[in-house]
Every structure is written in C-alpha cells, then in structure tokens.
PDB file of N, CA and C in Angstrom:
ATOM      1  N   GLN A   1      15.146  27.456   8.551  1.00  0.00           N
ATOM      2  CA  GLN A   1      14.293  26.506   9.268  1.00  0.00           C
ATOM      3  C   GLN A   1      14.711  25.091   8.877  1.00  0.00           C
ATOM      4  N   VAL A   2      15.077  24.303   9.877  1.00  0.00           N
ATOM      5  CA  VAL A   2      15.507  22.940   9.615  1.00  0.00           C
ATOM      6  C   VAL A   2      14.300  22.048   9.417  1.00  0.00           C
ATOM      7  N   GLN A   3      14.360  21.220   8.408  1.00  0.00           N
ATOM      8  CA  GLN A   3      13.308  20.241   8.170  1.00  0.00           C
ATOM      9  C   GLN A   3      13.956  18.943   7.692  1.00  0.00           C
ATOM     10  N   PRO A   4      13.950  17.925   8.525  1.00  0.00           N
ATOM     11  CA  PRO A   4      14.546  16.660   8.114  1.00  0.00           C
ATOM     12  C   PRO A   4      13.826  16.072   6.903  1.00  0.00           C
ATOM     13  N   MET A   5      14.560  15.259   6.165  1.00  0.00           N
ATOM     14  CA  MET A   5      13.989  14.592   4.990  1.00  0.00           C
ATOM     15  C   MET A   5      14.142  13.089   5.165  1.00  0.00           C
ATOM     16  N   GLU A   6      13.033  12.405   5.281  1.00  0.00           N
ATOM     17  CA  GLU A   6      13.025  10.972   5.473  1.00  0.00           C
ATOM     18  C   GLU A   6      12.803  10.255   4.135  1.00  0.00           C
ATOM     19  N   SER A   7      13.384   9.074   4.027  1.00  0.00           N
ATOM     20  CA  SER A   7      13.215   8.287   2.809  1.00  0.00           C
ATOM     21  C   SER A   7      13.415   6.808   3.126  1.00  0.00           C
ATOM     22  N   GLY A   8      13.093   5.969   2.159  1.00  0.00           N
ATOM     23  CA  GLY A   8      13.367   4.546   2.297  1.00  0.00           C
ATOM     24  C   GLY A   8      12.170   3.676   2.597  1.00  0.00           C
ATOM     25  N   GLY A   9      11.011   4.275   2.794  1.00  0.00           N
ATOM     26  CA  GLY A   9       9.837   3.481   3.086  1.00  0.00           C
ATOM     27  C   GLY A   9       9.369   2.705   1.870  1.00  0.00           C
ATOM     28  N   GLY A  10       8.335   1.899   2.076  1.00  0.00           N
ATOM     29  CA  GLY A  10       7.799   1.131   0.965  1.00  0.00           C
ATOM     30  C   GLY A  10       6.729   0.166   1.401  1.00  0.00           C
ATOM     31  N   LEU A  11       6.281  -0.628   0.443  1.00  0.00           N
ATOM     32  CA  LEU A  11       5.276  -1.662   0.674  1.00  0.00           C
ATOM     33  C   LEU A  11       6.022  -2.982   0.776  1.00  0.00           C
ATOM     34  N   VAL A  12       5.920  -3.617   1.935  1.00  0.00           N
ATOM     35  CA  VAL A  12       6.751  -4.788   2.205  1.00  0.00           C
ATOM     36  C   VAL A  12       5.913  -5.902   2.828  1.00  0.00           C
ATOM     37  N   GLN A  13       6.225  -7.093   2.454  1.00  0.00           N
ATOM     38  CA  GLN A  13       5.551  -8.240   3.056  1.00  0.00           C
ATOM     39  C   GLN A  13       6.072  -8.465   4.469  1.00  0.00           C
ATOM     40  N   ALA A  14       5.205  -8.910   5.333  1.00  0.00           N
ATOM     41  CA  ALA A  14       5.608  -9.216   6.698  1.00  0.00           C
ATOM     42  C   ALA A  14       6.805 -10.162   6.690  1.00  0.00           C
ATOM     43  N   GLY A  15       7.731  -9.877   7.578  1.00  0.00           N
ATOM     44  CA  GLY A  15       8.952 -10.657   7.649  1.00  0.00           C
ATOM     45  C   GLY A  15      10.108 -10.048   6.888  1.00  0.00           C
ATOM     46  N   GLY A  16       9.807  -9.077   6.065  1.00  0.00           N
ATOM     47  CA  GLY A  16      10.838  -8.426   5.286  1.00  0.00           C
ATOM     48  C   GLY A  16      11.565  -7.353   6.076  1.00  0.00           C
ATOM     49  N   SER A  17      12.425  -6.627   5.381  1.00  0.00           N
ATOM     50  CA  SER A  17      13.239  -5.590   6.028  1.00  0.00           C
ATOM     51  C   SER A  17      13.243  -4.318   5.190  1.00  0.00           C
ATOM     52  N   LEU A  18      13.469  -3.227   5.859  1.00  0.00           N
ATOM     53  CA  LEU A  18      13.636  -1.930   5.213  1.00  0.00           C
ATOM     54  C   LEU A  18      14.685  -1.147   5.979  1.00  0.00           C
ATOM     55  N   THR A  19      15.334  -0.245   5.289  1.00  0.00           N
ATOM     56  CA  THR A  19      16.215   0.702   5.966  1.00  0.00           C
ATOM     57  C   THR A  19      15.761   2.107   5.615  1.00  0.00           C
ATOM     58  N   LEU A  20      15.367   2.838   6.618  1.00  0.00           N
ATOM     59  CA  LEU A  20      14.933   4.219   6.451  1.00  0.00           C
ATOM     60  C   LEU A  20      16.121   5.149   6.657  1.00  0.00           C
ATOM     61  N   SER A  21      16.094   6.266   5.982  1.00  0.00           N
ATOM     62  CA  SER A  21      17.149   7.269   6.120  1.00  0.00           C
ATOM     63  C   SER A  21      16.521   8.609   6.451  1.00  0.00           C
ATOM     64  N   CYS A  22      17.301   9.412   7.144  1.00  0.00           N
ATOM     65  CA  CYS A  22      16.866  10.763   7.485  1.00  0.00           C
ATOM     66  C   CYS A  22      18.071  11.679   7.337  1.00  0.00           C
ATOM     67  N   ALA A  23      17.897  12.735   6.584  1.00  0.00           N
ATOM     68  CA  ALA A  23      18.998  13.658   6.344  1.00  0.00           C
ATOM     69  C   ALA A  23      18.517  15.088   6.524  1.00  0.00           C
ATOM     70  N   ALA A  24      19.458  15.946   6.784  1.00  0.00           N
ATOM     71  CA  ALA A  24      19.164  17.381   6.855  1.00  0.00           C
ATOM     72  C   ALA A  24      20.444  18.120   6.536  1.00  0.00           C
ATOM     73  N   SER A  25      20.311  19.278   6.027  1.00  0.00           N
ATOM     74  CA  SER A  25      21.481  20.064   5.642  1.00  0.00           C
ATOM     75  C   SER A  25      21.944  20.950   6.785  1.00  0.00           C
ATOM     76  N   GLY A  26      23.127  21.453   6.680  1.00  0.00           N
ATOM     77  CA  GLY A  26      23.608  22.440   7.625  1.00  0.00           C
ATOM     78  C   GLY A  26      24.279  21.896   8.861  1.00  0.00           C
ATOM     79  N   GLY A  27      24.557  20.594   8.871  1.00  0.00           N
ATOM     80  CA  GLY A  27      25.261  20.040  10.023  1.00  0.00           C
ATOM     81  C   GLY A  27      24.442  20.048  11.289  1.00  0.00           C
ATOM     82  N   VAL A  28      23.142  20.062  11.155  1.00  0.00           N
ATOM     83  CA  VAL A  28      22.288  20.230  12.328  1.00  0.00           C
ATOM     84  C   VAL A  28      22.208  19.001  13.205  1.00  0.00           C
ATOM     85  N   PHE A  29      22.567  17.837  12.676  1.00  0.00           N
ATOM     86  CA  PHE A  29      22.476  16.638  13.501  1.00  0.00           C
ATOM     87  C   PHE A  29      23.578  16.616  14.558  1.00  0.00           C
ATOM     88  N   THR A  30      24.657  17.300  14.279  1.00  0.00           N
ATOM     89  CA  THR A  30      25.795  17.283  15.189  1.00  0.00           C
ATOM     90  C   THR A  30      25.377  17.748  16.570  1.00  0.00           C
ATOM     91  N   GLY A  31      25.709  16.961  17.568  1.00  0.00           N
ATOM     92  CA  GLY A  31      25.416  17.345  18.935  1.00  0.00           C
ATOM     93  C   GLY A  31      24.010  17.040  19.387  1.00  0.00           C
ATOM     94  N   ASN A  32      23.202  16.468  18.535  1.00  0.00           N
ATOM     95  CA  ASN A  32      21.818  16.179  18.889  1.00  0.00           C
ATOM     96  C   ASN A  32      21.544  14.685  18.951  1.00  0.00           C
ATOM     97  N   THR A  33      20.856  14.296  20.013  1.00  0.00           N
ATOM     98  CA  THR A  33      20.267  12.963  20.023  1.00  0.00           C
ATOM     99  C   THR A  33      19.099  12.987  19.049  1.00  0.00           C
ATOM    100  N   MET A  34      19.061  11.981  18.196  1.00  0.00           N
ATOM    101  CA  MET A  34      18.036  11.913  17.178  1.00  0.00           C
ATOM    102  C   MET A  34      17.073  10.766  17.475  1.00  0.00           C
ATOM    103  N   ALA A  35      15.841  10.939  17.079  1.00  0.00           N
ATOM    104  CA  ALA A  35      14.844   9.903  17.322  1.00  0.00           C
ATOM    105  C   ALA A  35      14.035   9.635  16.071  1.00  0.00           C
ATOM    106  N   TRP A  36      13.503   8.435  16.018  1.00  0.00           N
ATOM    107  CA  TRP A  36      12.556   8.047  14.983  1.00  0.00           C
ATOM    108  C   TRP A  36      11.183   7.898  15.628  1.00  0.00           C
ATOM    109  N   TYR A  37      10.190   8.398  14.918  1.00  0.00           N
ATOM    110  CA  TYR A  37       8.818   8.375  15.412  1.00  0.00           C
ATOM    111  C   TYR A  37       7.940   7.649  14.384  1.00  0.00           C
ATOM    112  N   GLN A  38       7.019   6.859  14.894  1.00  0.00           N
ATOM    113  CA  GLN A  38       6.053   6.193  14.032  1.00  0.00           C
ATOM    114  C   GLN A  38       4.679   6.827  14.247  1.00  0.00           C
ATOM    115  N   ARG A  39       4.089   7.281  13.161  1.00  0.00           N
ATOM    116  CA  ARG A  39       2.698   7.724  13.244  1.00  0.00           C
ATOM    117  C   ARG A  39       1.841   6.635  12.626  1.00  0.00           C
ATOM    118  N   ARG A  40       1.033   6.042  13.449  1.00  0.00           N
ATOM    119  CA  ARG A  40       0.210   4.925  13.005  1.00  0.00           C
ATOM    120  C   ARG A  40      -0.987   5.411  12.196  1.00  0.00           C
ATOM    121  N   PRO A  41      -1.648   4.504  11.479  1.00  0.00           N
ATOM    122  CA  PRO A  41      -2.823   4.908  10.690  1.00  0.00           C
ATOM    123  C   PRO A  41      -3.922   5.540  11.533  1.00  0.00           C
ATOM    124  N   ASP A  42      -3.990   5.216  12.829  1.00  0.00           N
ATOM    125  CA  ASP A  42      -5.020   5.824  13.673  1.00  0.00           C
ATOM    126  C   ASP A  42      -4.598   7.197  14.187  1.00  0.00           C
ATOM    127  N   GLY A  43      -3.420   7.656  13.769  1.00  0.00           N
ATOM    128  CA  GLY A  43      -2.966   8.990  14.140  1.00  0.00           C
ATOM    129  C   GLY A  43      -2.096   9.053  15.368  1.00  0.00           C
ATOM    130  N   THR A  44      -2.005   7.967  16.115  1.00  0.00           N
ATOM    131  CA  THR A  44      -1.166   7.986  17.300  1.00  0.00           C
ATOM    132  C   THR A  44       0.298   7.976  16.889  1.00  0.00           C
ATOM    133  N   ARG A  45       1.129   8.533  17.738  1.00  0.00           N
ATOM    134  CA  ARG A  45       2.548   8.624  17.433  1.00  0.00           C
ATOM    135  C   ARG A  45       3.357   8.029  18.569  1.00  0.00           C
ATOM    136  N   GLU A  46       4.362   7.290  18.213  1.00  0.00           N
ATOM    137  CA  GLU A  46       5.230   6.672  19.213  1.00  0.00           C
ATOM    138  C   GLU A  46       6.678   6.892  18.838  1.00  0.00           C
ATOM    139  N   THR A  47       7.477   7.163  19.841  1.00  0.00           N
ATOM    140  CA  THR A  47       8.915   7.200  19.639  1.00  0.00           C
ATOM    141  C   THR A  47       9.404   5.764  19.621  1.00  0.00           C
ATOM    142  N   VAL A  48       9.926   5.332  18.495  1.00  0.00           N
ATOM    143  CA  VAL A  48      10.313   3.927  18.388  1.00  0.00           C
ATOM    144  C   VAL A  48      11.811   3.718  18.618  1.00  0.00           C
ATOM    145  N   ALA A  49      12.604   4.737  18.369  1.00  0.00           N
ATOM    146  CA  ALA A  49      14.046   4.565  18.543  1.00  0.00           C
ATOM    147  C   ALA A  49      14.698   5.923  18.726  1.00  0.00           C
ATOM    148  N   ALA A  50      15.812   5.912  19.421  1.00  0.00           N
ATOM    149  CA  ALA A  50      16.599   7.130  19.578  1.00  0.00           C
ATOM    150  C   ALA A  50      18.067   6.751  19.579  1.00  0.00           C
ATOM    151  N   ILE A  51      18.896   7.684  19.146  1.00  0.00           N
ATOM    152  CA  ILE A  51      20.331   7.418  19.107  1.00  0.00           C
ATOM    153  C   ILE A  51      21.071   8.684  19.511  1.00  0.00           C
ATOM    154  N   THR A  52      21.980   8.546  20.451  1.00  0.00           N
ATOM    155  CA  THR A  52      22.741   9.693  20.918  1.00  0.00           C
ATOM    156  C   THR A  52      23.862  10.016  19.939  1.00  0.00           C
ATOM    157  N   THR A  53      24.551  11.109  20.214  1.00  0.00           N
ATOM    158  CA  THR A  53      25.659  11.507  19.343  1.00  0.00           C
ATOM    159  C   THR A  53      26.781  10.469  19.349  1.00  0.00           C
ATOM    160  N   LYS A  54      26.877   9.721  20.425  1.00  0.00           N
ATOM    161  CA  LYS A  54      27.917   8.701  20.523  1.00  0.00           C
ATOM    162  C   LYS A  54      27.448   7.318  20.093  1.00  0.00           C
ATOM    163  N   GLY A  55      26.220   7.249  19.625  1.00  0.00           N
ATOM    164  CA  GLY A  55      25.728   5.982  19.103  1.00  0.00           C
ATOM    165  C   GLY A  55      24.995   5.100  20.084  1.00  0.00           C
ATOM    166  N   MET A  56      24.749   5.581  21.287  1.00  0.00           N
ATOM    167  CA  MET A  56      23.961   4.807  22.233  1.00  0.00           C
ATOM    168  C   MET A  56      22.517   4.818  21.766  1.00  0.00           C
ATOM    169  N   THR A  57      21.885   3.668  21.799  1.00  0.00           N
ATOM    170  CA  THR A  57      20.535   3.559  21.265  1.00  0.00           C
ATOM    171  C   THR A  57      19.526   3.154  22.328  1.00  0.00           C
ATOM    172  N   MET A  58      18.292   3.545  22.093  1.00  0.00           N
ATOM    173  CA  MET A  58      17.176   3.197  22.958  1.00  0.00           C
ATOM    174  C   MET A  58      15.995   2.867  22.058  1.00  0.00           C
ATOM    175  N   TYR A  59      15.205   1.877  22.462  1.00  0.00           N
ATOM    176  CA  TYR A  59      14.101   1.432  21.627  1.00  0.00           C
ATOM    177  C   TYR A  59      12.845   1.246  22.445  1.00  0.00           C
ATOM    178  N   ALA A  60      11.728   1.443  21.774  1.00  0.00           N
ATOM    179  CA  ALA A  60      10.454   1.099  22.389  1.00  0.00           C
ATOM    180  C   ALA A  60      10.399  -0.417  22.569  1.00  0.00           C
ATOM    181  N   ASP A  61       9.739  -0.845  23.616  1.00  0.00           N
ATOM    182  CA  ASP A  61       9.657  -2.281  23.891  1.00  0.00           C
ATOM    183  C   ASP A  61       9.094  -3.052  22.693  1.00  0.00           C
ATOM    184  N   SER A  62       8.190  -2.433  21.980  1.00  0.00           N
ATOM    185  CA  SER A  62       7.515  -3.121  20.885  1.00  0.00           C
ATOM    186  C   SER A  62       8.432  -3.415  19.701  1.00  0.00           C
ATOM    187  N   VAL A  63       9.580  -2.754  19.648  1.00  0.00           N
ATOM    188  CA  VAL A  63      10.458  -2.932  18.490  1.00  0.00           C
ATOM    189  C   VAL A  63      11.826  -3.480  18.856  1.00  0.00           C
ATOM    190  N   LYS A  64      12.073  -3.659  20.127  1.00  0.00           N
ATOM    191  CA  LYS A  64      13.388  -4.166  20.548  1.00  0.00           C
ATOM    192  C   LYS A  64      13.694  -5.503  19.878  1.00  0.00           C
ATOM    193  N   GLY A  65      14.897  -5.597  19.390  1.00  0.00           N
ATOM    194  CA  GLY A  65      15.319  -6.812  18.711  1.00  0.00           C
ATOM    195  C   GLY A  65      15.051  -6.801  17.223  1.00  0.00           C
ATOM    196  N   ARG A  66      14.240  -5.850  16.761  1.00  0.00           N
ATOM    197  CA  ARG A  66      13.924  -5.794  15.327  1.00  0.00           C
ATOM    198  C   ARG A  66      14.387  -4.495  14.674  1.00  0.00           C
ATOM    199  N   PHE A  67      14.389  -3.405  15.414  1.00  0.00           N
ATOM    200  CA  PHE A  67      14.793  -2.107  14.889  1.00  0.00           C
ATOM    201  C   PHE A  67      16.232  -1.815  15.305  1.00  0.00           C
ATOM    202  N   VAL A  68      16.971  -1.237  14.382  1.00  0.00           N
ATOM    203  CA  VAL A  68      18.345  -0.848  14.672  1.00  0.00           C
ATOM    204  C   VAL A  68      18.565   0.572  14.162  1.00  0.00           C
ATOM    205  N   ALA A  69      18.861   1.467  15.073  1.00  0.00           N
ATOM    206  CA  ALA A  69      19.146   2.857  14.708  1.00  0.00           C
ATOM    207  C   ALA A  69      20.654   3.057  14.634  1.00  0.00           C
ATOM    208  N   THR A  70      21.082   3.713  13.589  1.00  0.00           N
ATOM    209  CA  THR A  70      22.495   4.066  13.441  1.00  0.00           C
ATOM    210  C   THR A  70      22.579   5.494  12.907  1.00  0.00           C
ATOM    211  N   ARG A  71      23.762   6.027  12.921  1.00  0.00           N
ATOM    212  CA  ARG A  71      23.943   7.376  12.383  1.00  0.00           C
ATOM    213  C   ARG A  71      25.330   7.502  11.784  1.00  0.00           C
ATOM    214  N   ASP A  72      25.417   8.359  10.799  1.00  0.00           N
ATOM    215  CA  ASP A  72      26.697   8.701  10.183  1.00  0.00           C
ATOM    216  C   ASP A  72      26.857  10.196  10.375  1.00  0.00           C
ATOM    217  N   ASN A  73      27.605  10.559  11.379  1.00  0.00           N
ATOM    218  CA  ASN A  73      27.738  11.984  11.705  1.00  0.00           C
ATOM    219  C   ASN A  73      28.444  12.760  10.603  1.00  0.00           C
ATOM    220  N   ALA A  74      29.347  12.120   9.922  1.00  0.00           N
ATOM    221  CA  ALA A  74      30.054  12.812   8.843  1.00  0.00           C
ATOM    222  C   ALA A  74      29.099  13.155   7.700  1.00  0.00           C
ATOM    223  N   LYS A  75      28.178  12.250   7.423  1.00  0.00           N
ATOM    224  CA  LYS A  75      27.221  12.481   6.338  1.00  0.00           C
ATOM    225  C   LYS A  75      25.957  13.170   6.824  1.00  0.00           C
ATOM    226  N   GLN A  76      25.834  13.303   8.150  1.00  0.00           N
ATOM    227  CA  GLN A  76      24.626  13.920   8.717  1.00  0.00           C
ATOM    228  C   GLN A  76      23.377  13.130   8.309  1.00  0.00           C
ATOM    229  N   VAL A  77      23.454  11.857   8.494  1.00  0.00           N
ATOM    230  CA  VAL A  77      22.331  10.973   8.173  1.00  0.00           C
ATOM    231  C   VAL A  77      22.102  10.024   9.347  1.00  0.00           C
ATOM    232  N   VAL A  78      20.866   9.794   9.649  1.00  0.00           N
ATOM    233  CA  VAL A  78      20.509   8.761  10.624  1.00  0.00           C
ATOM    234  C   VAL A  78      19.683   7.699   9.902  1.00  0.00           C
ATOM    235  N   TYR A  79      19.823   6.484  10.346  1.00  0.00           N
ATOM    236  CA  TYR A  79      19.175   5.362   9.696  1.00  0.00           C
ATOM    237  C   TYR A  79      18.325   4.586  10.698  1.00  0.00           C
ATOM    238  N   LEU A  80      17.341   3.923  10.172  1.00  0.00           N
ATOM    239  CA  LEU A  80      16.554   2.994  10.976  1.00  0.00           C
ATOM    240  C   LEU A  80      16.364   1.730  10.153  1.00  0.00           C
ATOM    241  N   GLN A  81      17.043   0.680  10.560  1.00  0.00           N
ATOM    242  CA  GLN A  81      16.868  -0.602   9.917  1.00  0.00           C
ATOM    243  C   GLN A  81      15.748  -1.337  10.626  1.00  0.00           C
ATOM    244  N   ILE A  82      14.777  -1.770   9.861  1.00  0.00           N
ATOM    245  CA  ILE A  82      13.624  -2.467  10.424  1.00  0.00           C
ATOM    246  C   ILE A  82      13.636  -3.891   9.887  1.00  0.00           C
ATOM    247  N   ASN A  83      13.781  -4.832  10.770  1.00  0.00           N
ATOM    248  CA  ASN A  83      13.817  -6.231  10.393  1.00  0.00           C
ATOM    249  C   ASN A  83      12.547  -6.940  10.846  1.00  0.00           C
ATOM    250  N   ASP A  84      12.282  -8.066  10.220  1.00  0.00           N
ATOM    251  CA  ASP A  84      11.112  -8.866  10.600  1.00  0.00           C
ATOM    252  C   ASP A  84       9.872  -7.980  10.704  1.00  0.00           C
ATOM    253  N   LEU A  85       9.597  -7.260   9.653  1.00  0.00           N
ATOM    254  CA  LEU A  85       8.480  -6.311   9.655  1.00  0.00           C
ATOM    255  C   LEU A  85       7.176  -7.003  10.001  1.00  0.00           C
ATOM    256  N   LYS A  86       6.374  -6.286  10.761  1.00  0.00           N
ATOM    257  CA  LYS A  86       5.066  -6.774  11.187  1.00  0.00           C
ATOM    258  C   LYS A  86       3.995  -5.779  10.742  1.00  0.00           C
ATOM    259  N   PRO A  87       2.767  -6.246  10.563  1.00  0.00           N
ATOM    260  CA  PRO A  87       1.706  -5.312  10.138  1.00  0.00           C
ATOM    261  C   PRO A  87       1.590  -4.099  11.069  1.00  0.00           C
ATOM    262  N   GLU A  88       1.863  -4.272  12.345  1.00  0.00           N
ATOM    263  CA  GLU A  88       1.756  -3.138  13.279  1.00  0.00           C
ATOM    264  C   GLU A  88       2.870  -2.116  13.090  1.00  0.00           C
ATOM    265  N   ASP A  89       3.854  -2.422  12.254  1.00  0.00           N
ATOM    266  CA  ASP A  89       4.884  -1.441  11.928  1.00  0.00           C
ATOM    267  C   ASP A  89       4.404  -0.454  10.867  1.00  0.00           C
ATOM    268  N   THR A  90       3.260  -0.721  10.296  1.00  0.00           N
ATOM    269  CA  THR A  90       2.708   0.172   9.278  1.00  0.00           C
ATOM    270  C   THR A  90       2.521   1.572   9.843  1.00  0.00           C
ATOM    271  N   GLY A  91       2.919   2.553   9.059  1.00  0.00           N
ATOM    272  CA  GLY A  91       2.771   3.932   9.488  1.00  0.00           C
ATOM    273  C   GLY A  91       3.731   4.830   8.739  1.00  0.00           C
ATOM    274  N   THR A  92       3.698   6.087   9.114  1.00  0.00           N
ATOM    275  CA  THR A  92       4.626   7.059   8.557  1.00  0.00           C
ATOM    276  C   THR A  92       5.719   7.307   9.584  1.00  0.00           C
ATOM    277  N   TYR A  93       6.938   7.244   9.129  1.00  0.00           N
ATOM    278  CA  TYR A  93       8.081   7.371  10.032  1.00  0.00           C
ATOM    279  C   TYR A  93       8.748   8.735   9.821  1.00  0.00           C
ATOM    280  N   PHE A  94       9.013   9.380  10.921  1.00  0.00           N
ATOM    281  CA  PHE A  94       9.644  10.696  10.939  1.00  0.00           C
ATOM    282  C   PHE A  94      10.888  10.646  11.810  1.00  0.00           C
ATOM    283  N   CYS A  95      11.780  11.568  11.559  1.00  0.00           N
ATOM    284  CA  CYS A  95      12.892  11.733  12.488  1.00  0.00           C
ATOM    285  C   CYS A  95      12.927  13.188  12.937  1.00  0.00           C
ATOM    286  N   ASN A  96      13.498  13.396  14.087  1.00  0.00           N
ATOM    287  CA  ASN A  96      13.650  14.733  14.632  1.00  0.00           C
ATOM    288  C   ASN A  96      14.623  14.660  15.797  1.00  0.00           C
ATOM    289  N   LYS A  97      15.088  15.779  16.225  1.00  0.00           N
ATOM    290  CA  LYS A  97      15.975  15.774  17.367  1.00  0.00           C
ATOM    291  C   LYS A  97      15.171  15.568  18.642  1.00  0.00           C
ATOM    292  N   VAL A  98      15.809  15.025  19.638  1.00  0.00           N
ATOM    293  CA  VAL A  98      15.173  14.850  20.934  1.00  0.00           C
ATOM    294  C   VAL A  98      15.403  16.128  21.705  1.00  0.00           C
ATOM    295  N   ASP A  99      14.391  16.945  21.750  1.00  0.00           N
ATOM    296  CA  ASP A  99      14.517  18.263  22.353  1.00  0.00           C
ATOM    297  C   ASP A  99      13.122  18.826  22.566  1.00  0.00           C
ATOM    298  N   THR A 100      12.976  19.683  23.559  1.00  0.00           N
ATOM    299  CA  THR A 100      11.669  20.311  23.754  1.00  0.00           C
ATOM    300  C   THR A 100      11.357  21.281  22.621  1.00  0.00           C
ATOM    301  N   ASN A 101      12.380  21.754  21.959  1.00  0.00           N
ATOM    302  CA  ASN A 101      12.215  22.665  20.827  1.00  0.00           C
ATOM    303  C   ASN A 101      12.649  21.938  19.562  1.00  0.00           C
ATOM    304  N   GLN A 102      11.760  21.145  19.022  1.00  0.00           N
ATOM    305  CA  GLN A 102      12.125  20.343  17.870  1.00  0.00           C
ATOM    306  C   GLN A 102      12.064  21.141  16.575  1.00  0.00           C
ATOM    307  N   TRP A 103      12.713  20.576  15.568  1.00  0.00           N
ATOM    308  CA  TRP A 103      12.658  21.183  14.237  1.00  0.00           C
ATOM    309  C   TRP A 103      11.275  21.004  13.615  1.00  0.00           C
ATOM    310  N   SER A 104      11.055  21.696  12.526  1.00  0.00           N
ATOM    311  CA  SER A 104       9.835  21.444  11.759  1.00  0.00           C
ATOM    312  C   SER A 104       9.832  19.984  11.304  1.00  0.00           C
ATOM    313  N   TRP A 105       8.663  19.411  11.247  1.00  0.00           N
ATOM    314  CA  TRP A 105       8.575  18.006  10.845  1.00  0.00           C
ATOM    315  C   TRP A 105       8.665  17.874   9.330  1.00  0.00           C
ATOM    316  N   GLY A 106       9.384  16.827   8.911  1.00  0.00           N
ATOM    317  CA  GLY A 106       9.449  16.533   7.493  1.00  0.00           C
ATOM    318  C   GLY A 106       8.177  15.842   7.029  1.00  0.00           C
ATOM    319  N   ARG A 107       8.204  15.358   5.820  1.00  0.00           N
ATOM    320  CA  ARG A 107       7.043  14.693   5.257  1.00  0.00           C
ATOM    321  C   ARG A 107       6.940  13.243   5.697  1.00  0.00           C
ATOM    322  N   GLY A 108       8.027  12.738   6.242  1.00  0.00           N
ATOM    323  CA  GLY A 108       8.022  11.352   6.675  1.00  0.00           C
ATOM    324  C   GLY A 108       8.163  10.392   5.502  1.00  0.00           C
ATOM    325  N   THR A 109       8.283   9.128   5.832  1.00  0.00           N
ATOM    326  CA  THR A 109       8.346   8.102   4.811  1.00  0.00           C
ATOM    327  C   THR A 109       7.387   6.983   5.208  1.00  0.00           C
ATOM    328  N   GLN A 110       6.576   6.558   4.264  1.00  0.00           N
ATOM    329  CA  GLN A 110       5.505   5.617   4.545  1.00  0.00           C
ATOM    330  C   GLN A 110       6.011   4.181   4.492  1.00  0.00           C
ATOM    331  N   VAL A 111       5.677   3.436   5.521  1.00  0.00           N
ATOM    332  CA  VAL A 111       5.965   2.004   5.571  1.00  0.00           C
ATOM    333  C   VAL A 111       4.628   1.278   5.668  1.00  0.00           C
ATOM    334  N   THR A 112       4.397   0.389   4.742  1.00  0.00           N
ATOM    335  CA  THR A 112       3.177  -0.398   4.747  1.00  0.00           C
ATOM    336  C   THR A 112       3.556  -1.875   4.701  1.00  0.00           C
ATOM    337  N   VAL A 113       3.091  -2.602   5.692  1.00  0.00           N
ATOM    338  CA  VAL A 113       3.428  -4.022   5.804  1.00  0.00           C
ATOM    339  C   VAL A 113       2.169  -4.842   5.577  1.00  0.00           C
ATOM    340  N   PHE A 114       2.242  -5.772   4.651  1.00  0.00           N
ATOM    341  CA  PHE A 114       1.104  -6.640   4.398  1.00  0.00           C
ATOM    342  C   PHE A 114       1.490  -8.073   4.734  1.00  0.00           C
ATOM    343  N   SER A 115       0.485  -8.809   5.134  1.00  0.00           N
ATOM    344  CA  SER A 115       0.741 -10.209   5.526  1.00  0.00           C
ATOM    345  C   SER A 115       0.184 -11.174   4.496  1.00  0.00           C
TER     346      SER A 115
END
C-alpha cells in the first residue's frame, strides 16, 4: 500500500517561505501527475498545485505567483515551494497522485503562518 510522506512544514511569519517535500518508495511517482492539497483548519480541502510527469504545472488561483511545484523523478520526490506566505496558507499539506484511485493519504505536513 503506497502512502506518501510529506515533510517541511513549520511555523512561519507571514511573508516568509517554506519548501515542502513529498516522497514515496517503490518508484510510484513515475508516470503519475502529482498534486498538493491543502486542508484548512475548517476541514475544507483544496488542490493547490499539480505537476505532470514532464513538469507542467497548474495552480489554484489563490496561490498563483507564490507557489512553485517541482519534482525530481530520479529521487521520486515532489516539492512545493511556498513564497510570501499568508495566514490563509495555514493548514495541513498532503500530496497524492491525480487519479480517481488515489493512494492512501499520508500524515501531511503542517504549515502555520502567523502575522
């Protein structure tokens, strides 16, 4: 059973930056478009970024210009660089493949932004 492992979150002042990482074993990222999801404190979840196997990226309107998704296929890691953090970026961030049959969800990584 594949379960991604997210890391890199933290407590950050507004305007700061973080880089989140997501890894999984077994070469499972290969061939999959990967996405980052934000679960807000109110429980709602939004897809904030996605990256194809060739590196094409897509972002939610709310994060365009601030979030940058990248991937290292050789290392089987996907990254989410978050710049100019805002309090509304607070939440738990998860990654998973973009598919109707997704993997089990990891524990996520918590991002808390204070102003």
